[in-house]
Amino acid sequence: MAKSLINCARSLHFFGAFRAGLRYVKASRELHRVLVRTAIYFFFASVTWALLPLVAR
């Protein structure tokens, strides 16, 4: 019983910290720029890999 309470408390602490991190990301303009640049980079990187079979013919 005591171990389940400890695990429950840890998970609640984790989710509270996770929500605080999401609030920080939502408010940070610099992180928005980084996330947008990362998404664009990965999009074009995946397009390159997707077109590779056409080039290899």
PDB file of N, CA and C in Angstrom:
ATOM      1  N   MET A   1       0.831  -1.199   0.000  1.00  0.00           N
ATOM      2  CA  MET A   1       0.000   0.000   0.000  1.00  0.00           C
ATOM      3  C   MET A   1       0.871   1.256   0.000  1.00  0.00           C
ATOM      4  N   ALA A   2       1.916   1.274   0.831  1.00  0.00           N
ATOM      5  CA  ALA A   2       2.766   2.455   0.916  1.00  0.00           C
ATOM      6  C   ALA A   2       3.510   2.694  -0.388  1.00  0.00           C
ATOM      7  N   LYS A   3       3.941   1.615  -1.056  1.00  0.00           N
ATOM      8  CA  LYS A   3       4.660   1.785  -2.326  1.00  0.00           C
ATOM      9  C   LYS A   3       3.747   2.348  -3.405  1.00  0.00           C
ATOM     10  N   SER A   4       2.490   1.940  -3.418  1.00  0.00           N
ATOM     11  CA  SER A   4       1.585   2.468  -4.429  1.00  0.00           C
ATOM     12  C   SER A   4       1.322   3.960  -4.203  1.00  0.00           C
ATOM     13  N   LEU A   5       1.286   4.387  -2.959  1.00  0.00           N
ATOM     14  CA  LEU A   5       1.108   5.820  -2.671  1.00  0.00           C
ATOM     15  C   LEU A   5       2.326   6.613  -3.114  1.00  0.00           C
ATOM     16  N   ILE A   6       3.509   6.052  -2.916  1.00  0.00           N
ATOM     17  CA  ILE A   6       4.731   6.739  -3.342  1.00  0.00           C
ATOM     18  C   ILE A   6       4.767   6.847  -4.861  1.00  0.00           C
ATOM     19  N   ASN A   7       4.431   5.769  -5.556  1.00  0.00           N
ATOM     20  CA  ASN A   7       4.411   5.808  -7.017  1.00  0.00           C
ATOM     21  C   ASN A   7       3.367   6.797  -7.523  1.00  0.00           C
ATOM     22  N   CYS A   8       2.232   6.858  -6.868  1.00  0.00           N
ATOM     23  CA  CYS A   8       1.182   7.803  -7.259  1.00  0.00           C
ATOM     24  C   CYS A   8       1.667   9.236  -7.070  1.00  0.00           C
ATOM     25  N   ALA A   9       2.329   9.500  -5.960  1.00  0.00           N
ATOM     26  CA  ALA A   9       2.840  10.841  -5.692  1.00  0.00           C
ATOM     27  C   ALA A   9       3.905  11.223  -6.710  1.00  0.00           C
ATOM     28  N   ARG A  10       4.761  10.280  -7.090  1.00  0.00           N
ATOM     29  CA  ARG A  10       5.787  10.574  -8.084  1.00  0.00           C
ATOM     30  C   ARG A  10       5.172  10.873  -9.441  1.00  0.00           C
ATOM     31  N   SER A  11       4.168  10.114  -9.820  1.00  0.00           N
ATOM     32  CA  SER A  11       3.558  10.354 -11.121  1.00  0.00           C
ATOM     33  C   SER A  11       2.830  11.695 -11.142  1.00  0.00           C
ATOM     34  N   LEU A  12       2.188  12.067 -10.045  1.00  0.00           N
ATOM     35  CA  LEU A  12       1.534  13.369  -9.989  1.00  0.00           C
ATOM     36  C   LEU A  12       2.564  14.484 -10.067  1.00  0.00           C
ATOM     37  N   HIS A  13       3.699  14.304  -9.413  1.00  0.00           N
ATOM     38  CA  HIS A  13       4.762  15.305  -9.469  1.00  0.00           C
ATOM     39  C   HIS A  13       5.289  15.416 -10.904  1.00  0.00           C
ATOM     40  N   PHE A  14       5.447  14.286 -11.567  1.00  0.00           N
ATOM     41  CA  PHE A  14       5.926  14.289 -12.944  1.00  0.00           C
ATOM     42  C   PHE A  14       4.960  15.028 -13.860  1.00  0.00           C
ATOM     43  N   PHE A  15       3.672  14.726 -13.757  1.00  0.00           N
ATOM     44  CA  PHE A  15       2.696  15.371 -14.638  1.00  0.00           C
ATOM     45  C   PHE A  15       2.571  16.870 -14.346  1.00  0.00           C
ATOM     46  N   GLY A  16       2.717  17.255 -13.095  1.00  0.00           N
ATOM     47  CA  GLY A  16       2.707  18.678 -12.772  1.00  0.00           C
ATOM     48  C   GLY A  16       3.900  19.392 -13.391  1.00  0.00           C
ATOM     49  N   ALA A  17       5.057  18.754 -13.314  1.00  0.00           N
ATOM     50  CA  ALA A  17       6.260  19.332 -13.924  1.00  0.00           C
ATOM     51  C   ALA A  17       6.133  19.372 -15.443  1.00  0.00           C
ATOM     52  N   PHE A  18       5.523  18.348 -16.014  1.00  0.00           N
ATOM     53  CA  PHE A  18       5.324  18.300 -17.462  1.00  0.00           C
ATOM     54  C   PHE A  18       4.415  19.437 -17.912  1.00  0.00           C
ATOM     55  N   ARG A  19       3.343  19.676 -17.176  1.00  0.00           N
ATOM     56  CA  ARG A  19       2.433  20.781 -17.514  1.00  0.00           C
ATOM     57  C   ARG A  19       3.139  22.131 -17.395  1.00  0.00           C
ATOM     58  N   ALA A  20       3.983  22.284 -16.372  1.00  0.00           N
ATOM     59  CA  ALA A  20       4.722  23.539 -16.215  1.00  0.00           C
ATOM     60  C   ALA A  20       5.670  23.745 -17.393  1.00  0.00           C
ATOM     61  N   GLY A  21       6.297  22.672 -17.851  1.00  0.00           N
ATOM     62  CA  GLY A  21       7.170  22.779 -19.012  1.00  0.00           C
ATOM     63  C   GLY A  21       6.411  23.165 -20.270  1.00  0.00           C
ATOM     64  N   LEU A  22       5.228  22.610 -20.445  1.00  0.00           N
ATOM     65  CA  LEU A  22       4.410  22.975 -21.613  1.00  0.00           C
ATOM     66  C   LEU A  22       3.978  24.437 -21.550  1.00  0.00           C
ATOM     67  N   ARG A  23       3.650  24.913 -20.354  1.00  0.00           N
ATOM     68  CA  ARG A  23       3.297  26.336 -20.218  1.00  0.00           C
ATOM     69  C   ARG A  23       4.481  27.222 -20.579  1.00  0.00           C
ATOM     70  N   TYR A  24       5.695  26.805 -20.182  1.00  0.00           N
ATOM     71  CA  TYR A  24       6.899  27.579 -20.499  1.00  0.00           C
ATOM     72  C   TYR A  24       7.126  27.622 -22.006  1.00  0.00           C
ATOM     73  N   VAL A  25       6.968  26.471 -22.658  1.00  0.00           N
ATOM     74  CA  VAL A  25       7.157  26.420 -24.104  1.00  0.00           C
ATOM     75  C   VAL A  25       6.119  27.281 -24.816  1.00  0.00           C
ATOM     76  N   LYS A  26       4.899  27.254 -24.315  1.00  0.00           N
ATOM     77  CA  LYS A  26       3.835  28.041 -24.935  1.00  0.00           C
ATOM     78  C   LYS A  26       4.125  29.540 -24.846  1.00  0.00           C
ATOM     79  N   ALA A  27       4.772  29.975 -23.775  1.00  0.00           N
ATOM     80  CA  ALA A  27       5.030  31.396 -23.565  1.00  0.00           C
ATOM     81  C   ALA A  27       6.357  31.862 -24.152  1.00  0.00           C
ATOM     82  N   SER A  28       7.243  30.944 -24.525  1.00  0.00           N
ATOM     83  CA  SER A  28       8.579  31.319 -24.971  1.00  0.00           C
ATOM     84  C   SER A  28       8.631  31.486 -26.484  1.00  0.00           C
ATOM     85  N   ARG A  29       8.899  32.676 -26.937  1.00  0.00           N
ATOM     86  CA  ARG A  29       8.982  32.965 -28.365  1.00  0.00           C
ATOM     87  C   ARG A  29      10.226  32.306 -28.985  1.00  0.00           C
ATOM     88  N   GLU A  30      11.324  32.252 -28.237  1.00  0.00           N
ATOM     89  CA  GLU A  30      12.549  31.645 -28.753  1.00  0.00           C
ATOM     90  C   GLU A  30      12.358  30.155 -29.022  1.00  0.00           C
ATOM     91  N   LEU A  31      11.660  29.469 -28.122  1.00  0.00           N
ATOM     92  CA  LEU A  31      11.419  28.051 -28.323  1.00  0.00           C
ATOM     93  C   LEU A  31      10.479  27.798 -29.493  1.00  0.00           C
ATOM     94  N   HIS A  32       9.567  28.710 -29.737  1.00  0.00           N
ATOM     95  CA  HIS A  32       8.691  28.584 -30.904  1.00  0.00           C
ATOM     96  C   HIS A  32       9.528  28.594 -32.180  1.00  0.00           C
ATOM     97  N   ARG A  33      10.497  29.503 -32.242  1.00  0.00           N
ATOM     98  CA  ARG A  33      11.356  29.589 -33.417  1.00  0.00           C
ATOM     99  C   ARG A  33      12.144  28.298 -33.609  1.00  0.00           C
ATOM    100  N   VAL A  34      12.690  27.779 -32.530  1.00  0.00           N
ATOM    101  CA  VAL A  34      13.473  26.543 -32.608  1.00  0.00           C
ATOM    102  C   VAL A  34      12.593  25.381 -33.062  1.00  0.00           C
ATOM    103  N   LEU A  35      11.392  25.272 -32.516  1.00  0.00           N
ATOM    104  CA  LEU A  35      10.502  24.175 -32.894  1.00  0.00           C
ATOM    105  C   LEU A  35      10.063  24.276 -34.349  1.00  0.00           C
ATOM    106  N   VAL A  36       9.799  25.477 -34.827  1.00  0.00           N
ATOM    107  CA  VAL A  36       9.394  25.651 -36.221  1.00  0.00           C
ATOM    108  C   VAL A  36      10.557  25.295 -37.150  1.00  0.00           C
ATOM    109  N   ARG A  37      11.765  25.767 -36.818  1.00  0.00           N
ATOM    110  CA  ARG A  37      12.925  25.426 -37.644  1.00  0.00           C
ATOM    111  C   ARG A  37      13.176  23.927 -37.664  1.00  0.00           C
ATOM    112  N   THR A  38      13.016  23.282 -36.521  1.00  0.00           N
ATOM    113  CA  THR A  38      13.217  21.833 -36.445  1.00  0.00           C
ATOM    114  C   THR A  38      12.179  21.098 -37.274  1.00  0.00           C
ATOM    115  N   ALA A  39      10.931  21.514 -37.200  1.00  0.00           N
ATOM    116  CA  ALA A  39       9.869  20.873 -37.979  1.00  0.00           C
ATOM    117  C   ALA A  39      10.126  21.030 -39.476  1.00  0.00           C
ATOM    118  N   ILE A  40      10.550  22.212 -39.898  1.00  0.00           N
ATOM    119  CA  ILE A  40      10.844  22.435 -41.317  1.00  0.00           C
ATOM    120  C   ILE A  40      12.012  21.573 -41.765  1.00  0.00           C
ATOM    121  N   TYR A  41      13.055  21.497 -40.949  1.00  0.00           N
ATOM    122  CA  TYR A  41      14.221  20.678 -41.290  1.00  0.00           C
ATOM    123  C   TYR A  41      13.824  19.215 -41.447  1.00  0.00           C
ATOM    124  N   PHE A  42      13.069  18.681 -40.494  1.00  0.00           N
ATOM    125  CA  PHE A  42      12.696  17.278 -40.574  1.00  0.00           C
ATOM    126  C   PHE A  42      11.729  17.008 -41.725  1.00  0.00           C
ATOM    127  N   PHE A  43      10.894  17.954 -42.062  1.00  0.00           N
ATOM    128  CA  PHE A  43      10.005  17.787 -43.210  1.00  0.00           C
ATOM    129  C   PHE A  43      10.816  17.623 -44.487  1.00  0.00           C
ATOM    130  N   PHE A  44      11.765  18.527 -44.716  1.00  0.00           N
ATOM    131  CA  PHE A  44      12.555  18.444 -45.934  1.00  0.00           C
ATOM    132  C   PHE A  44      13.508  17.255 -45.920  1.00  0.00           C
ATOM    133  N   ALA A  45      13.987  16.861 -44.758  1.00  0.00           N
ATOM    134  CA  ALA A  45      14.820  15.665 -44.675  1.00  0.00           C
ATOM    135  C   ALA A  45      14.013  14.422 -45.027  1.00  0.00           C
ATOM    136  N   SER A  46      12.780  14.347 -44.583  1.00  0.00           N
ATOM    137  CA  SER A  46      11.952  13.182 -44.901  1.00  0.00           C
ATOM    138  C   SER A  46      11.541  13.188 -46.373  1.00  0.00           C
ATOM    139  N   VAL A  47      11.356  14.354 -46.963  1.00  0.00           N
ATOM    140  CA  VAL A  47      11.046  14.424 -48.384  1.00  0.00           C
ATOM    141  C   VAL A  47      12.224  13.889 -49.198  1.00  0.00           C
ATOM    142  N   THR A  48      13.433  14.220 -48.781  1.00  0.00           N
ATOM    143  CA  THR A  48      14.617  13.722 -49.480  1.00  0.00           C
ATOM    144  C   THR A  48      14.662  12.207 -49.455  1.00  0.00           C
ATOM    145  N   TRP A  49      14.428  11.615 -48.288  1.00  0.00           N
ATOM    146  CA  TRP A  49      14.431  10.151 -48.184  1.00  0.00           C
ATOM    147  C   TRP A  49      13.283   9.534 -48.973  1.00  0.00           C
ATOM    148  N   ALA A  50      12.147  10.205 -49.029  1.00  0.00           N
ATOM    149  CA  ALA A  50      10.994   9.672 -49.762  1.00  0.00           C
ATOM    150  C   ALA A  50      11.242   9.663 -51.271  1.00  0.00           C
ATOM    151  N   LEU A  51      11.991  10.640 -51.770  1.00  0.00           N
ATOM    152  CA  LEU A  51      12.266  10.719 -53.196  1.00  0.00           C
ATOM    153  C   LEU A  51      13.475   9.882 -53.624  1.00  0.00           C
ATOM    154  N   LEU A  52      14.223   9.365 -52.702  1.00  0.00           N
ATOM    155  CA  LEU A  52      15.419   8.596 -53.019  1.00  0.00           C
ATOM    156  C   LEU A  52      15.149   7.396 -53.932  1.00  0.00           C
ATOM    157  N   PRO A  53      14.070   6.616 -53.737  1.00  0.00           N
ATOM    158  CA  PRO A  53      13.830   5.508 -54.679  1.00  0.00           C
ATOM    159  C   PRO A  53      13.619   5.960 -56.116  1.00  0.00           C
ATOM    160  N   LEU A  54      13.059   7.146 -56.324  1.00  0.00           N
ATOM    161  CA  LEU A  54      12.878   7.640 -57.690  1.00  0.00           C
ATOM    162  C   LEU A  54      14.208   8.003 -58.332  1.00  0.00           C
ATOM    163  N   VAL A  55      15.123   8.516 -57.541  1.00  0.00           N
ATOM    164  CA  VAL A  55      16.431   8.909 -58.056  1.00  0.00           C
ATOM    165  C   VAL A  55      17.284   7.659 -58.319  1.00  0.00           C
ATOM    166  N   ALA A  56      17.106   6.623 -57.518  1.00  0.00           N
ATOM    167  CA  ALA A  56      17.930   5.419 -57.623  1.00  0.00           C
ATOM    168  C   ALA A  56      17.587   4.581 -58.844  1.00  0.00           C
ATOM    169  N   ARG A  57      16.467   4.780 -59.471  1.00  0.00           N
ATOM    170  CA  ARG A  57      16.088   3.986 -60.647  1.00  0.00           C
ATOM    171  C   ARG A  57      17.030   4.170 -61.743  1.00  0.00           C
TER     172      ARG A  57
END
